[in-house]
Amino acid sequence: MKIIQKNQFMKIVGICLFTFMGTICMTGQSYNQSLLLNKEWENRIPGKTYVTTCLFTSTEWIVKDFINNGVKTEVGLKTPYYLSDEIVDQFQQDCVGKSKSGKYIVMLTKPMIGEEYVEMLEVHEILELTENTLKTKHLRSGTVLEYDVK
């Protein structure tokens, strides 16, 4: 049996601690749904002339209106969503209204493609969420969206 010296032991402990802390940092923070609710979120893209206003209920993400060059269009688009700590590849309807914390916003959108509406899974990583700021990254396109409370 080999005896480990004190400095070797400390190196092993240091490596294990470094690996553990790196894993924690890479997994990211889980956010609570309560920070999203009861607010109108405004998305302004630098260099663009339009603004989108949306809000979250406990079960839906609602695009309220769209303003382009000062012309306001009421939208009222409602999309079911839930929060998840893991990236998913299938929308889980039974999580809507029940899964209230996570690192990802999971949505089921229905864009019109050609002549028909098609259900599409949309997953956004939450990069930042505070009382006044929401910053997400759309996982498929890599687009970063920033919202502020209106």
C-alpha atoms as a PDB file:
ATOM      1  CA  MET A   1       0.000   0.000   0.000  1.00  0.00           C
ATOM      2  CA  LYS A   2       1.323   3.399  -1.040  1.00  0.00           C
ATOM      3  CA  ILE A   3       1.184   6.304   1.417  1.00  0.00           C
ATOM      4  CA  ILE A   4       0.136   9.646  -0.047  1.00  0.00           C
ATOM      5  CA  GLN A   5       2.165  12.607   1.148  1.00  0.00           C
ATOM      6  CA  LYS A   6       0.464  15.728   2.461  1.00  0.00           C
ATOM      7  CA  ASN A   7       1.224  17.897  -0.611  1.00  0.00           C
ATOM      8  CA  GLN A   8      -0.051  15.165  -2.976  1.00  0.00           C
ATOM      9  CA  PHE A   9      -3.215  14.882  -0.905  1.00  0.00           C
ATOM     10  CA  MET A  10      -3.763  18.649  -1.101  1.00  0.00           C
ATOM     11  CA  LYS A  11      -3.309  18.538  -4.897  1.00  0.00           C
ATOM     12  CA  ILE A  12      -5.938  15.809  -5.172  1.00  0.00           C
ATOM     13  CA  VAL A  13      -8.360  17.745  -2.934  1.00  0.00           C
ATOM     14  CA  GLY A  14      -7.693  20.920  -4.966  1.00  0.00           C
ATOM     15  CA  ILE A  15      -8.366  19.160  -8.274  1.00  0.00           C
ATOM     16  CA  CYS A  16     -11.590  17.613  -6.948  1.00  0.00           C
ATOM     17  CA  LEU A  17     -12.768  20.969  -5.561  1.00  0.00           C
ATOM     18  CA  PHE A  18     -11.912  22.772  -8.824  1.00  0.00           C
ATOM     19  CA  THR A  19     -13.804  20.144 -10.845  1.00  0.00           C
ATOM     20  CA  PHE A  20     -16.821  20.300  -8.517  1.00  0.00           C
ATOM     21  CA  MET A  21     -16.998  24.113  -8.592  1.00  0.00           C
ATOM     22  CA  GLY A  22     -16.601  24.142 -12.387  1.00  0.00           C
ATOM     23  CA  THR A  23     -19.511  21.732 -12.733  1.00  0.00           C
ATOM     24  CA  ILE A  24     -21.699  23.922 -10.524  1.00  0.00           C
ATOM     25  CA  CYS A  25     -20.823  27.062 -12.504  1.00  0.00           C
ATOM     26  CA  MET A  26     -21.445  25.374 -15.852  1.00  0.00           C
ATOM     27  CA  THR A  27     -24.886  24.132 -14.868  1.00  0.00           C
ATOM     28  CA  GLY A  28     -26.122  27.699 -14.390  1.00  0.00           C
ATOM     29  CA  GLN A  29     -28.740  29.165 -12.142  1.00  0.00           C
ATOM     30  CA  SER A  30     -32.334  28.079 -11.886  1.00  0.00           C
ATOM     31  CA  TYR A  31     -34.860  30.952 -11.982  1.00  0.00           C
ATOM     32  CA  ASN A  32     -38.288  31.222 -10.390  1.00  0.00           C
ATOM     33  CA  GLN A  33     -41.347  31.938 -12.555  1.00  0.00           C
ATOM     34  CA  SER A  34     -42.528  34.620 -10.108  1.00  0.00           C
ATOM     35  CA  LEU A  35     -39.925  37.016 -11.560  1.00  0.00           C
ATOM     36  CA  LEU A  36     -41.675  36.816 -14.955  1.00  0.00           C
ATOM     37  CA  LEU A  37     -45.269  37.320 -13.820  1.00  0.00           C
ATOM     38  CA  ASN A  38     -47.432  40.479 -13.543  1.00  0.00           C
ATOM     39  CA  LYS A  39     -45.171  42.612 -15.749  1.00  0.00           C
ATOM     40  CA  GLU A  40     -45.174  43.900 -19.296  1.00  0.00           C
ATOM     41  CA  TRP A  41     -41.832  43.091 -20.903  1.00  0.00           C
ATOM     42  CA  GLU A  42     -40.591  45.273 -23.744  1.00  0.00           C
ATOM     43  CA  ASN A  43     -38.138  43.944 -26.329  1.00  0.00           C
ATOM     44  CA  ARG A  44     -36.083  46.596 -28.098  1.00  0.00           C
ATOM     45  CA  ILE A  45     -33.442  45.464 -30.556  1.00  0.00           C
ATOM     46  CA  PRO A  46     -30.603  47.972 -31.061  1.00  0.00           C
ATOM     47  CA  GLY A  47     -30.632  49.395 -34.575  1.00  0.00           C
ATOM     48  CA  LYS A  48     -34.200  48.227 -35.274  1.00  0.00           C
ATOM     49  CA  THR A  49     -37.302  50.413 -35.471  1.00  0.00           C
ATOM     50  CA  TYR A  50     -39.727  48.052 -33.779  1.00  0.00           C
ATOM     51  CA  VAL A  51     -40.677  47.143 -30.209  1.00  0.00           C
ATOM     52  CA  THR A  52     -42.560  44.085 -28.992  1.00  0.00           C
ATOM     53  CA  THR A  53     -44.480  44.049 -25.700  1.00  0.00           C
ATOM     54  CA  CYS A  54     -45.224  40.726 -24.061  1.00  0.00           C
ATOM     55  CA  LEU A  55     -46.245  39.314 -20.706  1.00  0.00           C
ATOM     56  CA  PHE A  56     -46.217  35.989 -18.909  1.00  0.00           C
ATOM     57  CA  THR A  57     -49.090  34.363 -17.068  1.00  0.00           C
ATOM     58  CA  SER A  58     -48.495  31.155 -15.129  1.00  0.00           C
ATOM     59  CA  THR A  59     -49.318  29.150 -18.289  1.00  0.00           C
ATOM     60  CA  GLU A  60     -48.886  31.430 -21.343  1.00  0.00           C
ATOM     61  CA  TRP A  61     -46.421  33.789 -22.971  1.00  0.00           C
ATOM     62  CA  ILE A  62     -48.520  36.503 -24.594  1.00  0.00           C
ATOM     63  CA  VAL A  63     -47.272  38.852 -27.303  1.00  0.00           C
ATOM     64  CA  LYS A  64     -49.471  41.849 -26.565  1.00  0.00           C
ATOM     65  CA  ASP A  65     -48.482  44.288 -29.308  1.00  0.00           C
ATOM     66  CA  PHE A  66     -45.910  45.183 -31.899  1.00  0.00           C
ATOM     67  CA  ILE A  67     -44.836  48.755 -32.660  1.00  0.00           C
ATOM     68  CA  ASN A  68     -43.042  49.425 -35.947  1.00  0.00           C
ATOM     69  CA  ASN A  69     -42.037  52.997 -36.842  1.00  0.00           C
ATOM     70  CA  GLY A  70     -44.542  54.305 -34.300  1.00  0.00           C
ATOM     71  CA  VAL A  71     -47.459  52.252 -35.679  1.00  0.00           C
ATOM     72  CA  LYS A  72     -48.935  49.971 -33.032  1.00  0.00           C
ATOM     73  CA  THR A  73     -50.462  46.612 -33.967  1.00  0.00           C
ATOM     74  CA  GLU A  74     -52.368  44.592 -31.381  1.00  0.00           C
ATOM     75  CA  VAL A  75     -51.243  40.965 -31.584  1.00  0.00           C
ATOM     76  CA  GLY A  76     -52.651  38.924 -28.693  1.00  0.00           C
ATOM     77  CA  LEU A  77     -50.611  35.822 -29.627  1.00  0.00           C
ATOM     78  CA  LYS A  78     -50.776  33.260 -26.798  1.00  0.00           C
ATOM     79  CA  THR A  79     -48.192  30.492 -26.470  1.00  0.00           C
ATOM     80  CA  PRO A  80     -48.092  27.810 -23.751  1.00  0.00           C
ATOM     81  CA  TYR A  81     -44.800  27.601 -21.844  1.00  0.00           C
ATOM     82  CA  TYR A  82     -43.090  26.193 -18.778  1.00  0.00           C
ATOM     83  CA  LEU A  83     -39.672  26.425 -17.149  1.00  0.00           C
ATOM     84  CA  SER A  84     -37.209  23.545 -17.139  1.00  0.00           C
ATOM     85  CA  ASP A  85     -33.772  22.868 -15.679  1.00  0.00           C
ATOM     86  CA  GLU A  86     -32.928  20.705 -18.684  1.00  0.00           C
ATOM     87  CA  ILE A  87     -32.951  21.165 -22.435  1.00  0.00           C
ATOM     88  CA  VAL A  88     -35.889  19.196 -23.799  1.00  0.00           C
ATOM     89  CA  ASP A  89     -36.592  17.891 -27.297  1.00  0.00           C
ATOM     90  CA  GLN A  90     -40.346  17.483 -26.867  1.00  0.00           C
ATOM     91  CA  PHE A  91     -42.963  19.832 -25.390  1.00  0.00           C
ATOM     92  CA  GLN A  92     -44.516  18.379 -22.241  1.00  0.00           C
ATOM     93  CA  GLN A  93     -48.038  19.815 -21.925  1.00  0.00           C
ATOM     94  CA  ASP A  94     -48.420  18.401 -18.403  1.00  0.00           C
ATOM     95  CA  CYS A  95     -45.603  20.726 -17.207  1.00  0.00           C
ATOM     96  CA  VAL A  96     -47.507  23.894 -18.234  1.00  0.00           C
ATOM     97  CA  GLY A  97     -48.541  25.758 -15.077  1.00  0.00           C
ATOM     98  CA  LYS A  98     -46.724  23.234 -12.873  1.00  0.00           C
ATOM     99  CA  SER A  99     -43.007  23.546 -13.663  1.00  0.00           C
ATOM    100  CA  LYS A 100     -42.285  26.974 -12.161  1.00  0.00           C
ATOM    101  CA  SER A 101     -38.503  27.131 -11.977  1.00  0.00           C
ATOM    102  CA  GLY A 102     -35.672  26.407 -14.342  1.00  0.00           C
ATOM    103  CA  LYS A 103     -32.880  27.633 -16.604  1.00  0.00           C
ATOM    104  CA  TYR A 104     -34.884  27.306 -19.809  1.00  0.00           C
ATOM    105  CA  ILE A 105     -38.187  28.693 -21.084  1.00  0.00           C
ATOM    106  CA  VAL A 106     -39.848  25.950 -23.135  1.00  0.00           C
ATOM    107  CA  MET A 107     -42.605  27.068 -25.539  1.00  0.00           C
ATOM    108  CA  LEU A 108     -44.881  25.475 -28.103  1.00  0.00           C
ATOM    109  CA  THR A 109     -45.319  27.973 -30.939  1.00  0.00           C
ATOM    110  CA  LYS A 110     -47.541  27.618 -34.006  1.00  0.00           C
ATOM    111  CA  PRO A 111     -46.066  29.665 -36.852  1.00  0.00           C
ATOM    112  CA  MET A 112     -47.645  29.609 -40.277  1.00  0.00           C
ATOM    113  CA  ILE A 113     -45.458  27.751 -42.735  1.00  0.00           C
ATOM    114  CA  GLY A 114     -46.854  27.901 -46.227  1.00  0.00           C
ATOM    115  CA  GLU A 115     -50.610  27.526 -45.919  1.00  0.00           C
ATOM    116  CA  GLU A 116     -50.808  25.871 -42.508  1.00  0.00           C
ATOM    117  CA  TYR A 117     -49.847  26.351 -38.884  1.00  0.00           C
ATOM    118  CA  VAL A 118     -47.135  24.012 -37.618  1.00  0.00           C
ATOM    119  CA  GLU A 119     -46.359  23.279 -33.961  1.00  0.00           C
ATOM    120  CA  MET A 120     -42.722  24.030 -33.132  1.00  0.00           C
ATOM    121  CA  LEU A 121     -40.755  23.545 -29.944  1.00  0.00           C
ATOM    122  CA  GLU A 122     -38.873  26.692 -28.941  1.00  0.00           C
ATOM    123  CA  VAL A 123     -36.323  26.628 -26.111  1.00  0.00           C
ATOM    124  CA  HIS A 124     -34.735  29.772 -24.695  1.00  0.00           C
ATOM    125  CA  GLU A 125     -31.893  29.662 -22.188  1.00  0.00           C
ATOM    126  CA  ILE A 126     -32.346  32.269 -19.461  1.00  0.00           C
ATOM    127  CA  LEU A 127     -29.088  34.214 -19.327  1.00  0.00           C
ATOM    128  CA  GLU A 128     -30.331  36.820 -16.847  1.00  0.00           C
ATOM    129  CA  LEU A 129     -33.571  37.368 -14.964  1.00  0.00           C
ATOM    130  CA  THR A 130     -34.102  40.116 -12.399  1.00  0.00           C
ATOM    131  CA  GLU A 131     -37.085  42.199 -11.304  1.00  0.00           C
ATOM    132  CA  ASN A 132     -36.573  44.469 -14.338  1.00  0.00           C
ATOM    133  CA  THR A 133     -34.511  42.559 -16.919  1.00  0.00           C
ATOM    134  CA  LEU A 134     -34.934  39.352 -18.910  1.00  0.00           C
ATOM    135  CA  LYS A 135     -32.182  38.189 -21.240  1.00  0.00           C
ATOM    136  CA  THR A 136     -32.569  34.914 -23.145  1.00  0.00           C
ATOM    137  CA  LYS A 137     -30.773  32.984 -25.862  1.00  0.00           C
ATOM    138  CA  HIS A 138     -32.827  31.101 -28.449  1.00  0.00           C
ATOM    139  CA  LEU A 139     -31.078  27.730 -28.583  1.00  0.00           C
ATOM    140  CA  ARG A 140     -31.780  26.914 -32.236  1.00  0.00           C
ATOM    141  CA  SER A 141     -30.768  30.258 -33.761  1.00  0.00           C
ATOM    142  CA  GLY A 142     -28.394  31.551 -31.082  1.00  0.00           C
ATOM    143  CA  THR A 143     -30.245  34.890 -31.047  1.00  0.00           C
ATOM    144  CA  VAL A 144     -30.006  36.787 -27.761  1.00  0.00           C
ATOM    145  CA  LEU A 145     -33.162  38.688 -26.793  1.00  0.00           C
ATOM    146  CA  GLU A 146     -33.242  41.383 -24.125  1.00  0.00           C
ATOM    147  CA  TYR A 147     -36.406  42.607 -22.400  1.00  0.00           C
ATOM    148  CA  ASP A 148     -36.965  45.358 -19.861  1.00  0.00           C
ATOM    149  CA  VAL A 149     -40.043  45.971 -17.730  1.00  0.00           C
ATOM    150  CA  LYS A 150     -42.206  48.587 -19.456  1.00  0.00           C
END
